[in-house]
Amino acid sequence: MHLVRKQTYITPTRDRALKRLAVRYRTTETDILRRALDKEGVREGQDPFEALIGSFDGPVEVDHDDIYC
């Protein structure tokens, strides 16, 4: 499995909540974040934008110059 390192900022309140959840479930804070993403339906190997394909009307390809003439 290929992993990508992410670094972000969260509020102190969310940080405390994350720590409490990690203790409650006896796991890491990182695992809690992964579980939250999984709960939202983003699974490993799945394209999170797949459901959007074909859901918009309009041309499939647009020439940039045609839009801004």
Protein backbone atom coordinates (compact mmCIF):
# COMPACT_ATOMS: atom_id res chain seq x y z
CA MET A 1 0.00 0.00 0.00
CA HIS A 2 1.34 3.43 -0.99
CA LEU A 3 0.90 6.10 1.70
CA VAL A 4 1.03 9.87 1.35
CA ARG A 5 2.02 12.04 4.29
CA LYS A 6 -0.43 14.85 5.11
CA GLN A 7 0.03 17.69 7.53
CA THR A 8 -2.82 19.98 8.56
CA TYR A 9 -4.01 22.35 11.25
CA ILE A 10 -6.98 21.70 13.51
CA THR A 11 -8.44 23.71 16.35
CA PRO A 12 -7.43 22.92 19.92
CA THR A 13 -10.99 21.70 20.55
CA ARG A 14 -10.77 19.21 17.68
CA ASP A 15 -7.32 18.16 18.82
CA ARG A 16 -8.67 17.33 22.30
CA ALA A 17 -11.60 15.45 20.75
CA LEU A 18 -9.24 13.48 18.51
CA LYS A 19 -7.08 12.55 21.49
CA ARG A 20 -10.13 11.46 23.52
CA LEU A 21 -11.40 9.28 20.66
CA ALA A 22 -8.00 7.66 20.21
CA VAL A 23 -7.90 6.79 23.92
CA ARG A 24 -11.51 5.56 23.92
CA TYR A 25 -10.98 3.25 20.95
CA ARG A 26 -7.42 2.33 21.98
CA THR A 27 -5.95 3.33 18.64
CA THR A 28 -3.92 6.15 17.12
CA GLU A 29 -5.15 9.61 16.22
CA THR A 30 -4.24 8.81 12.62
CA ASP A 31 -6.48 5.76 12.68
CA ILE A 32 -9.36 7.90 13.94
CA LEU A 33 -8.88 10.26 10.99
CA ARG A 34 -8.74 7.33 8.54
CA ARG A 35 -11.94 5.90 10.04
CA ALA A 36 -13.65 9.27 9.63
CA LEU A 37 -12.72 9.31 5.94
CA ASP A 38 -13.89 5.72 5.53
CA LYS A 39 -17.19 6.61 7.19
CA GLU A 40 -17.64 9.37 4.60
CA GLY A 41 -17.36 6.73 1.89
CA VAL A 42 -13.79 7.30 0.75
CA ARG A 43 -12.21 3.84 0.66
CA GLU A 44 -8.66 2.88 -0.25
CA GLY A 45 -8.33 2.48 -4.00
CA GLN A 46 -11.65 4.22 -4.68
CA ASP A 47 -11.82 7.46 -6.64
CA PRO A 48 -13.80 9.90 -4.46
CA PHE A 49 -14.88 11.80 -7.60
CA GLU A 50 -16.11 8.72 -9.48
CA ALA A 51 -19.75 9.41 -8.60
CA LEU A 52 -19.51 12.85 -10.21
CA ILE A 53 -18.56 11.52 -13.65
CA GLY A 54 -21.36 12.17 -16.10
CA SER A 55 -23.45 14.18 -13.65
CA PHE A 56 -22.92 17.54 -15.34
CA ASP A 57 -24.40 18.80 -18.60
CA GLY A 58 -22.22 20.43 -21.21
CA PRO A 59 -19.42 19.60 -23.58
CA VAL A 60 -16.95 16.91 -22.66
CA GLU A 61 -14.02 19.00 -23.82
CA VAL A 62 -13.79 22.78 -24.00
CA ASP A 63 -11.06 24.76 -25.71
CA HIS A 64 -9.87 27.44 -23.29
CA ASP A 65 -9.76 30.03 -26.09
CA ASP A 66 -13.42 29.41 -26.98
CA ILE A 67 -14.51 30.33 -23.46
CA TYR A 68 -12.58 33.58 -23.14
CA CYS A 69 -12.98 35.12 -26.61
